[in-house]
C-alpha atoms as a PDB file:
ATOM      1  CA  UNK A   1    -162.167-232.213 -38.436  1.00  0.00           C
ATOM      2  CA  UNK A   2    -160.756-232.290 -41.953  1.00  0.00           C
ATOM      3  CA  UNK A   3    -157.126-232.112 -42.938  1.00  0.00           C
ATOM      4  CA  UNK A   4    -156.001-231.236 -46.450  1.00  0.00           C
ATOM      5  CA  UNK A   5    -152.460-231.761 -47.647  1.00  0.00           C
ATOM      6  CA  UNK A   6    -151.224-230.487 -50.989  1.00  0.00           C
ATOM      7  CA  UNK A   7    -148.244-231.796 -52.873  1.00  0.00           C
ATOM      8  CA  UNK A   8    -146.622-231.531 -56.261  1.00  0.00           C
ATOM      9  CA  UNK A   9    -145.545-227.914 -56.355  1.00  0.00           C
ATOM     10  CA  UNK A  10    -142.187-226.904 -57.677  1.00  0.00           C
ATOM     11  CA  UNK A  11    -140.230-224.961 -60.229  1.00  0.00           C
ATOM     12  CA  UNK A  12    -141.027-225.365 -63.893  1.00  0.00           C
ATOM     13  CA  UNK A  13    -140.142-223.508 -67.062  1.00  0.00           C
ATOM     14  CA  UNK A  14    -142.737-221.611 -69.055  1.00  0.00           C
ATOM     15  CA  UNK A  15    -144.656-223.964 -71.285  1.00  0.00           C
ATOM     16  CA  UNK A  16    -144.132-226.860 -68.940  1.00  0.00           C
ATOM     17  CA  UNK A  17    -146.557-228.913 -66.912  1.00  0.00           C
ATOM     18  CA  UNK A  18    -147.081-229.804 -63.301  1.00  0.00           C
ATOM     19  CA  UNK A  19    -149.535-231.923 -61.363  1.00  0.00           C
ATOM     20  CA  UNK A  20    -150.795-230.990 -57.924  1.00  0.00           C
ATOM     21  CA  UNK A  21    -152.556-233.340 -55.552  1.00  0.00           C
ATOM     22  CA  UNK A  22    -154.629-232.752 -52.453  1.00  0.00           C
ATOM     23  CA  UNK A  23    -155.385-235.566 -50.056  1.00  0.00           C
ATOM     24  CA  UNK A  24    -158.148-235.242 -47.501  1.00  0.00           C
ATOM     25  CA  UNK A  25    -158.250-237.051 -44.199  1.00  0.00           C
ATOM     26  CA  UNK A  26    -160.233-236.985 -40.987  1.00  0.00           C
ATOM     27  CA  UNK A  27    -164.017-236.708 -40.773  1.00  0.00           C
ATOM     28  CA  UNK A  28    -164.676-236.269 -44.464  1.00  0.00           C
ATOM     29  CA  UNK A  29    -167.966-238.043 -45.083  1.00  0.00           C
ATOM     30  CA  UNK A  30    -169.824-234.878 -46.007  1.00  0.00           C
ATOM     31  CA  UNK A  31    -167.372-233.142 -48.317  1.00  0.00           C
ATOM     32  CA  UNK A  32    -169.059-231.758 -51.405  1.00  0.00           C
ATOM     33  CA  UNK A  33    -167.175-229.173 -53.418  1.00  0.00           C
ATOM     34  CA  UNK A  34    -163.408-229.204 -53.466  1.00  0.00           C
ATOM     35  CA  UNK A  35    -161.197-226.860 -55.353  1.00  0.00           C
ATOM     36  CA  UNK A  36    -157.912-225.191 -55.974  1.00  0.00           C
ATOM     37  CA  UNK A  37    -157.180-221.570 -55.244  1.00  0.00           C
ATOM     38  CA  UNK A  38    -154.004-219.609 -55.684  1.00  0.00           C
ATOM     39  CA  UNK A  39    -152.485-216.497 -54.249  1.00  0.00           C
ATOM     40  CA  UNK A  40    -149.529-214.427 -55.361  1.00  0.00           C
ATOM     41  CA  UNK A  41    -147.774-211.803 -53.218  1.00  0.00           C
ATOM     42  CA  UNK A  42    -149.830-208.642 -53.099  1.00  0.00           C
ATOM     43  CA  UNK A  43    -152.826-210.258 -54.739  1.00  0.00           C
ATOM     44  CA  UNK A  44    -156.076-211.697 -53.487  1.00  0.00           C
ATOM     45  CA  UNK A  45    -156.633-215.405 -53.333  1.00  0.00           C
ATOM     46  CA  UNK A  46    -158.516-216.500 -56.420  1.00  0.00           C
ATOM     47  CA  UNK A  47    -160.365-219.567 -57.555  1.00  0.00           C
ATOM     48  CA  UNK A  48    -158.491-221.674 -60.065  1.00  0.00           C
ATOM     49  CA  UNK A  49    -160.820-224.640 -60.409  1.00  0.00           C
ATOM     50  CA  UNK A  50    -163.427-226.509 -58.418  1.00  0.00           C
ATOM     51  CA  UNK A  51    -165.225-229.801 -58.665  1.00  0.00           C
ATOM     52  CA  UNK A  52    -168.299-231.157 -56.916  1.00  0.00           C
ATOM     53  CA  UNK A  53    -168.788-234.695 -55.666  1.00  0.00           C
ATOM     54  CA  UNK A  54    -170.899-235.331 -58.771  1.00  0.00           C
ATOM     55  CA  UNK A  55    -168.121-234.169 -61.060  1.00  0.00           C
ATOM     56  CA  UNK A  56    -169.292-230.700 -62.051  1.00  0.00           C
ATOM     57  CA  UNK A  57    -166.276-228.517 -62.725  1.00  0.00           C
ATOM     58  CA  UNK A  58    -165.653-224.809 -62.781  1.00  0.00           C
ATOM     59  CA  UNK A  59    -162.552-223.012 -64.016  1.00  0.00           C
ATOM     60  CA  UNK A  60    -161.208-219.527 -63.909  1.00  0.00           C
ATOM     61  CA  UNK A  61    -161.172-217.996 -67.375  1.00  0.00           C
ATOM     62  CA  UNK A  62    -157.421-217.570 -67.170  1.00  0.00           C
ATOM     63  CA  UNK A  63    -156.802-221.307 -66.908  1.00  0.00           C
ATOM     64  CA  UNK A  64    -159.523-222.768 -69.112  1.00  0.00           C
ATOM     65  CA  UNK A  65    -158.023-225.088 -71.667  1.00  0.00           C
ATOM     66  CA  UNK A  66    -154.754-225.300 -69.769  1.00  0.00           C
ATOM     67  CA  UNK A  67    -155.621-226.733 -66.359  1.00  0.00           C
ATOM     68  CA  UNK A  68    -157.710-229.767 -65.549  1.00  0.00           C
ATOM     69  CA  UNK A  69    -159.187-230.629 -62.178  1.00  0.00           C
ATOM     70  CA  UNK A  70    -160.082-234.190 -61.293  1.00  0.00           C
ATOM     71  CA  UNK A  71    -161.504-235.972 -58.290  1.00  0.00           C
ATOM     72  CA  UNK A  72    -161.137-239.430 -56.856  1.00  0.00           C
ATOM     73  CA  UNK A  73    -163.984-239.850 -54.388  1.00  0.00           C
ATOM     74  CA  UNK A  74    -162.743-243.238 -53.213  1.00  0.00           C
ATOM     75  CA  UNK A  75    -159.348-241.828 -52.327  1.00  0.00           C
ATOM     76  CA  UNK A  76    -160.892-238.514 -51.261  1.00  0.00           C
ATOM     77  CA  UNK A  77    -158.361-236.688 -53.324  1.00  0.00           C
ATOM     78  CA  UNK A  78    -158.375-234.025 -55.985  1.00  0.00           C
ATOM     79  CA  UNK A  79    -155.701-233.227 -58.494  1.00  0.00           C
ATOM     80  CA  UNK A  80    -154.914-230.302 -60.712  1.00  0.00           C
ATOM     81  CA  UNK A  81    -153.047-230.824 -63.939  1.00  0.00           C
ATOM     82  CA  UNK A  82    -151.388-227.584 -64.903  1.00  0.00           C
ATOM     83  CA  UNK A  83    -150.333-227.312 -68.517  1.00  0.00           C
ATOM     84  CA  UNK A  84    -148.855-224.610 -70.710  1.00  0.00           C
ATOM     85  CA  UNK A  85    -147.671-222.880 -67.588  1.00  0.00           C
ATOM     86  CA  UNK A  86    -146.877-219.208 -67.739  1.00  0.00           C
ATOM     87  CA  UNK A  87    -144.970-216.961 -65.324  1.00  0.00           C
ATOM     88  CA  UNK A  88    -148.258-215.398 -64.249  1.00  0.00           C
ATOM     89  CA  UNK A  89    -149.313-218.793 -62.919  1.00  0.00           C
ATOM     90  CA  UNK A  90    -146.681-218.460 -60.219  1.00  0.00           C
ATOM     91  CA  UNK A  91    -148.431-218.582 -56.866  1.00  0.00           C
ATOM     92  CA  UNK A  92    -149.078-220.613 -53.778  1.00  0.00           C
ATOM     93  CA  UNK A  93    -151.797-223.081 -54.645  1.00  0.00           C
ATOM     94  CA  UNK A  94    -154.238-224.038 -51.926  1.00  0.00           C
ATOM     95  CA  UNK A  95    -156.644-226.917 -51.697  1.00  0.00           C
ATOM     96  CA  UNK A  96    -160.112-226.106 -50.381  1.00  0.00           C
ATOM     97  CA  UNK A  97    -162.921-228.341 -49.211  1.00  0.00           C
ATOM     98  CA  UNK A  98    -166.382-227.646 -47.892  1.00  0.00           C
ATOM     99  CA  UNK A  99    -168.294-229.830 -45.483  1.00  0.00           C
ATOM    100  CA  UNK A 100    -171.551-228.962 -43.722  1.00  0.00           C
ATOM    101  CA  UNK A 101    -171.002-225.259 -44.200  1.00  0.00           C
ATOM    102  CA  UNK A 102    -167.432-225.331 -42.917  1.00  0.00           C
ATOM    103  CA  UNK A 103    -164.516-224.475 -45.161  1.00  0.00           C
ATOM    104  CA  UNK A 104    -161.160-226.187 -44.821  1.00  0.00           C
ATOM    105  CA  UNK A 105    -157.868-225.141 -46.350  1.00  0.00           C
ATOM    106  CA  UNK A 106    -154.619-226.910 -46.957  1.00  0.00           C
ATOM    107  CA  UNK A 107    -151.225-225.428 -46.181  1.00  0.00           C
ATOM    108  CA  UNK A 108    -150.521-224.609 -49.803  1.00  0.00           C
ATOM    109  CA  UNK A 109    -147.858-225.633 -52.255  1.00  0.00           C
ATOM    110  CA  UNK A 110    -145.640-223.247 -54.183  1.00  0.00           C
ATOM    111  CA  UNK A 111    -145.677-223.255 -57.961  1.00  0.00           C
ATOM    112  CA  UNK A 112    -143.024-221.154 -59.629  1.00  0.00           C
ATOM    113  CA  UNK A 113    -142.899-220.750 -63.384  1.00  0.00           C
ATOM    114  CA  UNK A 114    -139.725-219.314 -64.833  1.00  0.00           C
ATOM    115  CA  UNK A 115    -139.628-217.437 -68.110  1.00  0.00           C
END
């Protein structure tokens, strides 16, 4: 069993920055890809950024150049640095991890960007 806990969400003004963290615990020896997704009311959950155990990253076009995903394999944690935030970035951000074909999700952390 894998547990994912996100932290770092909050309220920030447009143009500001925020850093989200996701800590994994439990039976996490086989985790490969981890990533951040977000979901706004009335919208589908979408990929924001992902990173493999080897460090390969993938970003949604809407956040390229603004967000940076990083991974600390020793701490089994990923972070998302959100920069140049815009109101449209407002969403609940979820941490995702995959292990042996099973997908795990965190509880989510709210990011609200005011204009």
